[in-house]
Amino acid sequence: MSANSSEPVPRAWQAFRTIPDLAGVDRQHLIWLAEHVRWQVLTAGDVLEQPFKGGRINFLVTGAIEVRCTNPQGKELLLGDLPQGQLFGNAIYSHVPPLAFSAHVTQSGLMALLDGQDTQDWLALDRSIVLAILQTVSNLLWRLMGRVVEIGMLNVRNRLHMRLLSLAQRQGVEHNQVLLSPSPTQASLAAYLGASREEVAREMSRLVRLGLLQRQGRSLRLCNVDGLMALVEL
């Protein structure tokens, strides 16, 4: 299913103030940006068409997206999440990436797309814009480095613990507990961890037996965040 872009959206430059990496960009350049982008309404479950098309920058004003990579045999790896306020795309490199990347909307929201020559024109307006793109690239690079370290140095069990703790911190921990609703599926966890669904299921069941997790319908409660963190440190 492709993203729905039929709903009218006002072209307000203030929307770009929600994007941290654009904090140093002048108001007049944000107004220019708002006049040249295409707005796209995102619905959870949509798969974006050509999100890494050469020359494009995507501004995720609200919502959330997962980026996945699929090899020729059909095995899927979830590279990571793009949260609200994230820039992503292929602004400088004009060729199609050699790997099969796809972007899946996990939380409904709003995105602005800047294509082709408009991207190059915007980058040429001021050095602050180039610095914003470099900051974005740097942040994404370090996040990807963290993923490489996790996959290379931690076993599946500890990688799962780290993922659950990351989701807990994003949701907000209260009284050493957090409710993940809806719960991440075992398939999505396996894709993120580079593991099999069976490995994830076994460790989830073990955490339930230890009293650290509790399944509640379509939700998952982390009953003892500190206890789960202690397992990672072992």
C-alpha atoms as a PDB file:
ATOM      1  CA  MET A   1       0.000   0.000   0.000  1.00  0.00           C
ATOM      2  CA  SER A   2       1.446   3.381  -0.917  1.00  0.00           C
ATOM      3  CA  ALA A   3       1.179   6.471   1.282  1.00  0.00           C
ATOM      4  CA  ASN A   4      -1.866   8.682   0.885  1.00  0.00           C
ATOM      5  CA  SER A   5      -1.021  12.204  -0.307  1.00  0.00           C
ATOM      6  CA  SER A   6      -4.524  13.354  -1.283  1.00  0.00           C
ATOM      7  CA  GLU A   7      -5.451  15.088   1.964  1.00  0.00           C
ATOM      8  CA  PRO A   8      -4.813  18.863   1.773  1.00  0.00           C
ATOM      9  CA  VAL A   9      -2.215  20.152   4.220  1.00  0.00           C
ATOM     10  CA  PRO A  10      -1.394  23.837   4.859  1.00  0.00           C
ATOM     11  CA  ARG A  11       2.112  24.884   3.830  1.00  0.00           C
ATOM     12  CA  ALA A  12       3.285  26.231   7.187  1.00  0.00           C
ATOM     13  CA  TRP A  13       7.033  26.824   7.505  1.00  0.00           C
ATOM     14  CA  GLN A  14       6.664  26.610  11.290  1.00  0.00           C
ATOM     15  CA  ALA A  15       6.281  22.830  10.927  1.00  0.00           C
ATOM     16  CA  PHE A  16      10.001  22.607  10.230  1.00  0.00           C
ATOM     17  CA  ARG A  17      10.781  24.090  13.636  1.00  0.00           C
ATOM     18  CA  THR A  18       9.879  20.662  15.091  1.00  0.00           C
ATOM     19  CA  ILE A  19      12.942  19.168  13.348  1.00  0.00           C
ATOM     20  CA  PRO A  20      15.975  19.502  15.679  1.00  0.00           C
ATOM     21  CA  ASP A  21      18.608  19.480  12.917  1.00  0.00           C
ATOM     22  CA  LEU A  22      17.003  22.555  11.328  1.00  0.00           C
ATOM     23  CA  ALA A  23      17.273  24.637  14.502  1.00  0.00           C
ATOM     24  CA  GLY A  24      20.084  26.744  13.043  1.00  0.00           C
ATOM     25  CA  VAL A  25      18.399  27.417   9.686  1.00  0.00           C
ATOM     26  CA  ASP A  26      17.086  30.949   9.107  1.00  0.00           C
ATOM     27  CA  ARG A  27      13.355  31.604   8.980  1.00  0.00           C
ATOM     28  CA  GLN A  28      13.519  32.847   5.379  1.00  0.00           C
ATOM     29  CA  HIS A  29      15.136  29.596   4.262  1.00  0.00           C
ATOM     30  CA  LEU A  30      12.452  27.567   6.043  1.00  0.00           C
ATOM     31  CA  ILE A  31       9.794  29.638   4.274  1.00  0.00           C
ATOM     32  CA  TRP A  32      11.536  28.872   0.951  1.00  0.00           C
ATOM     33  CA  LEU A  33      11.526  25.201   1.910  1.00  0.00           C
ATOM     34  CA  ALA A  34       7.805  25.201   2.762  1.00  0.00           C
ATOM     35  CA  GLU A  35       7.025  26.723  -0.640  1.00  0.00           C
ATOM     36  CA  HIS A  36       8.907  24.019  -2.562  1.00  0.00           C
ATOM     37  CA  VAL A  37       8.145  20.758  -0.745  1.00  0.00           C
ATOM     38  CA  ARG A  38       5.341  18.288  -1.422  1.00  0.00           C
ATOM     39  CA  TRP A  39       3.377  17.393   1.696  1.00  0.00           C
ATOM     40  CA  GLN A  40       2.466  13.753   2.274  1.00  0.00           C
ATOM     41  CA  VAL A  41       0.055  12.406   4.878  1.00  0.00           C
ATOM     42  CA  LEU A  42       1.297   9.119   6.320  1.00  0.00           C
ATOM     43  CA  THR A  43      -0.901   6.324   7.603  1.00  0.00           C
ATOM     44  CA  ALA A  44       0.382   3.487   9.787  1.00  0.00           C
ATOM     45  CA  GLY A  45       0.939   0.431   7.611  1.00  0.00           C
ATOM     46  CA  ASP A  46       1.855   2.379   4.469  1.00  0.00           C
ATOM     47  CA  VAL A  47       5.010   1.534   2.538  1.00  0.00           C
ATOM     48  CA  LEU A  48       6.643   4.627   1.071  1.00  0.00           C
ATOM     49  CA  GLU A  49       7.463   4.697  -2.624  1.00  0.00           C
ATOM     50  CA  GLN A  50      11.149   5.329  -3.477  1.00  0.00           C
ATOM     51  CA  PRO A  51      12.058   7.009  -0.160  1.00  0.00           C
ATOM     52  CA  PHE A  52      15.759   6.990  -1.081  1.00  0.00           C
ATOM     53  CA  LYS A  53      15.363   8.245  -4.615  1.00  0.00           C
ATOM     54  CA  GLY A  54      18.447  10.182  -5.720  1.00  0.00           C
ATOM     55  CA  GLY A  55      18.302  13.884  -4.939  1.00  0.00           C
ATOM     56  CA  ARG A  56      15.463  13.711  -2.414  1.00  0.00           C
ATOM     57  CA  ILE A  57      15.283  14.841   1.199  1.00  0.00           C
ATOM     58  CA  ASN A  58      12.386  13.657   3.364  1.00  0.00           C
ATOM     59  CA  PHE A  59      11.365  15.677   6.436  1.00  0.00           C
ATOM     60  CA  LEU A  60       9.448  13.547   8.919  1.00  0.00           C
ATOM     61  CA  VAL A  61       7.483  16.289  10.694  1.00  0.00           C
ATOM     62  CA  THR A  62       5.323  13.857  12.703  1.00  0.00           C
ATOM     63  CA  GLY A  63       4.948  10.085  12.822  1.00  0.00           C
ATOM     64  CA  ALA A  64       7.494   7.257  12.763  1.00  0.00           C
ATOM     65  CA  ILE A  65       9.047   5.031  10.092  1.00  0.00           C
ATOM     66  CA  GLU A  66      10.998   1.760  10.048  1.00  0.00           C
ATOM     67  CA  VAL A  67      13.729   1.263   7.451  1.00  0.00           C
ATOM     68  CA  ARG A  68      14.235  -2.313   6.278  1.00  0.00           C
ATOM     69  CA  CYS A  69      16.656  -4.048   3.932  1.00  0.00           C
ATOM     70  CA  THR A  70      15.874  -7.266   2.052  1.00  0.00           C
ATOM     71  CA  ASN A  71      18.500  -9.530   0.494  1.00  0.00           C
ATOM     72  CA  PRO A  72      17.982 -11.485  -2.774  1.00  0.00           C
ATOM     73  CA  GLN A  73      16.879 -14.543  -0.756  1.00  0.00           C
ATOM     74  CA  GLY A  74      14.100 -12.556   0.868  1.00  0.00           C
ATOM     75  CA  LYS A  75      15.607 -12.299   4.361  1.00  0.00           C
ATOM     76  CA  GLU A  76      14.710  -8.994   5.976  1.00  0.00           C
ATOM     77  CA  LEU A  77      16.763  -6.885   8.383  1.00  0.00           C
ATOM     78  CA  LEU A  78      15.229  -3.959  10.226  1.00  0.00           C
ATOM     79  CA  LEU A  79      17.978  -1.325  10.098  1.00  0.00           C
ATOM     80  CA  GLY A  80      16.335   1.053  12.545  1.00  0.00           C
ATOM     81  CA  ASP A  81      13.586   3.513  13.389  1.00  0.00           C
ATOM     82  CA  LEU A  82      13.179   7.061  12.122  1.00  0.00           C
ATOM     83  CA  PRO A  83      11.346   9.056  14.797  1.00  0.00           C
ATOM     84  CA  GLN A  84       9.414  12.288  14.517  1.00  0.00           C
ATOM     85  CA  GLY A  85      11.677  15.193  13.549  1.00  0.00           C
ATOM     86  CA  GLN A  86      14.089  13.098  11.483  1.00  0.00           C
ATOM     87  CA  LEU A  87      15.553  14.011   8.085  1.00  0.00           C
ATOM     88  CA  PHE A  88      16.438  11.187   5.712  1.00  0.00           C
ATOM     89  CA  GLY A  89      16.966  10.563   2.027  1.00  0.00           C
ATOM     90  CA  ASN A  90      19.651  10.528  -0.639  1.00  0.00           C
ATOM     91  CA  ALA A  91      20.335  14.217  -1.199  1.00  0.00           C
ATOM     92  CA  ILE A  92      23.894  14.061  -2.510  1.00  0.00           C
ATOM     93  CA  TYR A  93      24.295  10.619  -4.053  1.00  0.00           C
ATOM     94  CA  SER A  94      22.191  10.627  -7.204  1.00  0.00           C
ATOM     95  CA  HIS A  95      22.224   6.904  -7.958  1.00  0.00           C
ATOM     96  CA  VAL A  96      19.855   4.234  -6.659  1.00  0.00           C
ATOM     97  CA  PRO A  97      21.273   2.483  -3.546  1.00  0.00           C
ATOM     98  CA  PRO A  98      22.641  -0.996  -4.354  1.00  0.00           C
ATOM     99  CA  LEU A  99      20.569  -2.640  -1.623  1.00  0.00           C
ATOM    100  CA  ALA A 100      16.796  -3.091  -1.508  1.00  0.00           C
ATOM    101  CA  PHE A 101      15.711  -0.577   1.130  1.00  0.00           C
ATOM    102  CA  SER A 102      12.097   0.054   2.068  1.00  0.00           C
ATOM    103  CA  ALA A 103      10.397   2.455   4.496  1.00  0.00           C
ATOM    104  CA  HIS A 104       7.346   1.338   6.478  1.00  0.00           C
ATOM    105  CA  VAL A 105       5.125   3.788   8.376  1.00  0.00           C
ATOM    106  CA  THR A 106       4.644   2.586  11.957  1.00  0.00           C
ATOM    107  CA  GLN A 107       2.960   5.721  13.298  1.00  0.00           C
ATOM    108  CA  SER A 108       0.686   7.999  11.276  1.00  0.00           C
ATOM    109  CA  GLY A 109       1.939  11.506  10.654  1.00  0.00           C
ATOM    110  CA  LEU A 110       3.074  14.108   8.150  1.00  0.00           C
ATOM    111  CA  MET A 111       6.114  14.240   5.886  1.00  0.00           C
ATOM    112  CA  ALA A 112       7.480  16.846   3.470  1.00  0.00           C
ATOM    113  CA  LEU A 113       9.422  15.804   0.361  1.00  0.00           C
ATOM    114  CA  LEU A 114      11.971  17.952  -1.468  1.00  0.00           C
ATOM    115  CA  ASP A 115      12.949  16.544  -4.855  1.00  0.00           C
ATOM    116  CA  GLY A 116      15.725  16.858  -7.404  1.00  0.00           C
ATOM    117  CA  GLN A 117      16.880  20.329  -8.341  1.00  0.00           C
ATOM    118  CA  ASP A 118      14.920  21.912  -5.494  1.00  0.00           C
ATOM    119  CA  THR A 119      17.128  19.976  -3.072  1.00  0.00           C
ATOM    120  CA  GLN A 120      20.304  21.320  -4.677  1.00  0.00           C
ATOM    121  CA  ASP A 121      18.897  24.856  -4.772  1.00  0.00           C
ATOM    122  CA  TRP A 122      18.000  24.714  -1.076  1.00  0.00           C
ATOM    123  CA  LEU A 123      21.435  23.423  -0.094  1.00  0.00           C
ATOM    124  CA  ALA A 124      23.014  26.333  -1.993  1.00  0.00           C
ATOM    125  CA  LEU A 125      21.079  29.011  -0.065  1.00  0.00           C
ATOM    126  CA  ASP A 126      23.211  29.057   3.086  1.00  0.00           C
ATOM    127  CA  ARG A 127      25.971  27.117   4.866  1.00  0.00           C
ATOM    128  CA  SER A 128      23.647  26.550   7.852  1.00  0.00           C
ATOM    129  CA  ILE A 129      21.552  24.247   5.671  1.00  0.00           C
ATOM    130  CA  VAL A 130      24.583  22.201   4.645  1.00  0.00           C
ATOM    131  CA  LEU A 131      25.609  21.981   8.304  1.00  0.00           C
ATOM    132  CA  ALA A 132      22.114  20.732   9.159  1.00  0.00           C
ATOM    133  CA  ILE A 133      22.436  17.932   6.598  1.00  0.00           C
ATOM    134  CA  LEU A 134      25.914  17.048   7.866  1.00  0.00           C
ATOM    135  CA  GLN A 135      24.560  16.905  11.427  1.00  0.00           C
ATOM    136  CA  THR A 136      21.822  14.552  10.282  1.00  0.00           C
ATOM    137  CA  VAL A 137      24.305  12.303   8.478  1.00  0.00           C
ATOM    138  CA  SER A 138      26.571  12.256  11.536  1.00  0.00           C
ATOM    139  CA  ASN A 139      23.723  11.346  13.890  1.00  0.00           C
ATOM    140  CA  LEU A 140      22.496   8.551  11.624  1.00  0.00           C
ATOM    141  CA  LEU A 141      26.046   7.237  11.204  1.00  0.00           C
ATOM    142  CA  TRP A 142      26.578   6.942  14.949  1.00  0.00           C
ATOM    143  CA  ARG A 143      23.227   5.244  15.386  1.00  0.00           C
ATOM    144  CA  LEU A 144      24.167   2.750  12.676  1.00  0.00           C
ATOM    145  CA  MET A 145      27.559   2.226  14.327  1.00  0.00           C
ATOM    146  CA  GLY A 146      25.722   1.348  17.531  1.00  0.00           C
ATOM    147  CA  ARG A 147      23.661  -1.231  15.640  1.00  0.00           C
ATOM    148  CA  VAL A 148      26.834  -2.777  14.168  1.00  0.00           C
ATOM    149  CA  VAL A 149      28.428  -3.001  17.621  1.00  0.00           C
ATOM    150  CA  GLU A 150      25.312  -4.606  19.100  1.00  0.00           C
ATOM    151  CA  ILE A 151      25.041  -7.225  16.363  1.00  0.00           C
ATOM    152  CA  GLY A 152      28.779  -7.927  16.342  1.00  0.00           C
ATOM    153  CA  MET A 153      29.490  -8.013  20.087  1.00  0.00           C
ATOM    154  CA  LEU A 154      26.272  -9.069  21.841  1.00  0.00           C
ATOM    155  CA  ASN A 155      24.465 -12.389  21.628  1.00  0.00           C
ATOM    156  CA  VAL A 156      20.807 -12.548  20.610  1.00  0.00           C
ATOM    157  CA  ARG A 157      19.678 -12.646  24.227  1.00  0.00           C
ATOM    158  CA  ASN A 158      21.420  -9.396  25.164  1.00  0.00           C
ATOM    159  CA  ARG A 159      20.459  -7.724  21.898  1.00  0.00           C
ATOM    160  CA  LEU A 160      16.806  -8.415  22.753  1.00  0.00           C
ATOM    161  CA  HIS A 161      17.287  -6.969  26.231  1.00  0.00           C
ATOM    162  CA  MET A 162      18.829  -3.819  24.754  1.00  0.00           C
ATOM    163  CA  ARG A 163      15.982  -3.454  22.263  1.00  0.00           C
ATOM    164  CA  LEU A 164      13.312  -3.785  24.938  1.00  0.00           C
ATOM    165  CA  LEU A 165      15.100  -1.239  27.129  1.00  0.00           C
ATOM    166  CA  SER A 166      15.334   1.182  24.209  1.00  0.00           C
ATOM    167  CA  LEU A 167      11.596   0.860  23.560  1.00  0.00           C
ATOM    168  CA  ALA A 168      10.929   1.319  27.280  1.00  0.00           C
ATOM    169  CA  GLN A 169      12.951   4.532  27.466  1.00  0.00           C
ATOM    170  CA  ARG A 170      11.184   5.883  24.383  1.00  0.00           C
ATOM    171  CA  GLN A 171       7.760   5.089  25.877  1.00  0.00           C
ATOM    172  CA  GLY A 172       8.636   6.478  29.305  1.00  0.00           C
ATOM    173  CA  VAL A 173       9.389   4.435  32.436  1.00  0.00           C
ATOM    174  CA  GLU A 174       7.281   5.026  35.548  1.00  0.00           C
ATOM    175  CA  HIS A 175       7.823   3.247  38.871  1.00  0.00           C
ATOM    176  CA  ASN A 176      10.307   0.875  37.200  1.00  0.00           C
ATOM    177  CA  GLN A 177       7.633  -0.339  34.754  1.00  0.00           C
ATOM    178  CA  VAL A 178       6.432   0.475  31.264  1.00  0.00           C
ATOM    179  CA  LEU A 179       3.614  -0.752  29.046  1.00  0.00           C
ATOM    180  CA  LEU A 180       4.515  -1.249  25.383  1.00  0.00           C
ATOM    181  CA  SER A 181       1.244  -0.935  23.486  1.00  0.00           C
ATOM    182  CA  PRO A 182       0.915  -2.318  20.965  1.00  0.00           C
ATOM    183  CA  SER A 183       3.604  -4.850  21.731  1.00  0.00           C
ATOM    184  CA  PRO A 184       6.406  -5.249  19.179  1.00  0.00           C
ATOM    185  CA  THR A 185       5.840  -8.495  17.308  1.00  0.00           C
ATOM    186  CA  GLN A 186       8.300 -11.356  17.551  1.00  0.00           C
ATOM    187  CA  ALA A 187       8.797 -11.083  13.778  1.00  0.00           C
ATOM    188  CA  SER A 188       9.717  -7.375  13.977  1.00  0.00           C
ATOM    189  CA  LEU A 189      12.046  -7.996  16.919  1.00  0.00           C
ATOM    190  CA  ALA A 190      13.739 -10.816  15.033  1.00  0.00           C
ATOM    191  CA  ALA A 191      14.175  -8.587  11.968  1.00  0.00           C
ATOM    192  CA  TYR A 192      15.709  -5.855  14.106  1.00  0.00           C
ATOM    193  CA  LEU A 193      18.036  -8.212  15.963  1.00  0.00           C
ATOM    194  CA  GLY A 194      19.160 -10.167  12.914  1.00  0.00           C
ATOM    195  CA  ALA A 195      17.883 -13.313  14.642  1.00  0.00           C
ATOM    196  CA  SER A 196      15.270 -15.996  14.086  1.00  0.00           C
ATOM    197  CA  ARG A 197      11.748 -15.697  15.415  1.00  0.00           C
ATOM    198  CA  GLU A 198      12.292 -18.901  17.413  1.00  0.00           C
ATOM    199  CA  GLU A 199      15.285 -17.389  19.245  1.00  0.00           C
ATOM    200  CA  VAL A 200      13.237 -14.329  20.161  1.00  0.00           C
ATOM    201  CA  ALA A 201      10.277 -16.440  21.322  1.00  0.00           C
ATOM    202  CA  ARG A 202      12.488 -18.564  23.610  1.00  0.00           C
ATOM    203  CA  GLU A 203      14.065 -15.547  25.297  1.00  0.00           C
ATOM    204  CA  MET A 204      10.730 -13.734  25.658  1.00  0.00           C
ATOM    205  CA  SER A 205       9.296 -16.812  27.387  1.00  0.00           C
ATOM    206  CA  ARG A 206      12.315 -16.931  29.716  1.00  0.00           C
ATOM    207  CA  LEU A 207      11.843 -13.267  30.663  1.00  0.00           C
ATOM    208  CA  VAL A 208       8.174 -13.968  31.421  1.00  0.00           C
ATOM    209  CA  ARG A 209       9.198 -16.857  33.702  1.00  0.00           C
ATOM    210  CA  LEU A 210      11.676 -14.550  35.461  1.00  0.00           C
ATOM    211  CA  GLY A 211       8.867 -12.092  36.130  1.00  0.00           C
ATOM    212  CA  LEU A 212      10.458  -9.333  34.051  1.00  0.00           C
ATOM    213  CA  LEU A 213       7.817  -9.368  31.308  1.00  0.00           C
ATOM    214  CA  GLN A 214       4.065  -9.841  31.320  1.00  0.00           C
ATOM    215  CA  ARG A 215       1.867 -10.233  28.258  1.00  0.00           C
ATOM    216  CA  GLN A 216      -1.362  -8.244  28.468  1.00  0.00           C
ATOM    217  CA  GLY A 217      -3.462  -8.883  25.383  1.00  0.00           C
ATOM    218  CA  ARG A 218      -1.779  -7.051  22.496  1.00  0.00           C
ATOM    219  CA  SER A 219       0.475  -5.178  24.922  1.00  0.00           C
ATOM    220  CA  LEU A 220       3.653  -6.094  26.726  1.00  0.00           C
ATOM    221  CA  ARG A 221       4.480  -4.881  30.224  1.00  0.00           C
ATOM    222  CA  LEU A 222       8.081  -4.604  31.362  1.00  0.00           C
ATOM    223  CA  CYS A 223       7.537  -5.284  35.042  1.00  0.00           C
ATOM    224  CA  ASN A 224      11.075  -4.625  36.270  1.00  0.00           C
ATOM    225  CA  VAL A 225      13.146  -2.350  34.040  1.00  0.00           C
ATOM    226  CA  ASP A 226      16.058  -2.299  36.481  1.00  0.00           C
ATOM    227  CA  GLY A 227      16.061  -6.088  36.588  1.00  0.00           C
ATOM    228  CA  LEU A 228      16.155  -6.269  32.787  1.00  0.00           C
ATOM    229  CA  MET A 229      19.020  -3.754  32.765  1.00  0.00           C
ATOM    230  CA  ALA A 230      20.927  -5.900  35.250  1.00  0.00           C
ATOM    231  CA  LEU A 231      20.722  -8.844  32.859  1.00  0.00           C
ATOM    232  CA  VAL A 232      22.378  -6.766  30.140  1.00  0.00           C
ATOM    233  CA  GLU A 233      25.254  -5.908  32.464  1.00  0.00           C
ATOM    234  CA  LEU A 234      25.968  -9.559  33.299  1.00  0.00           C
END
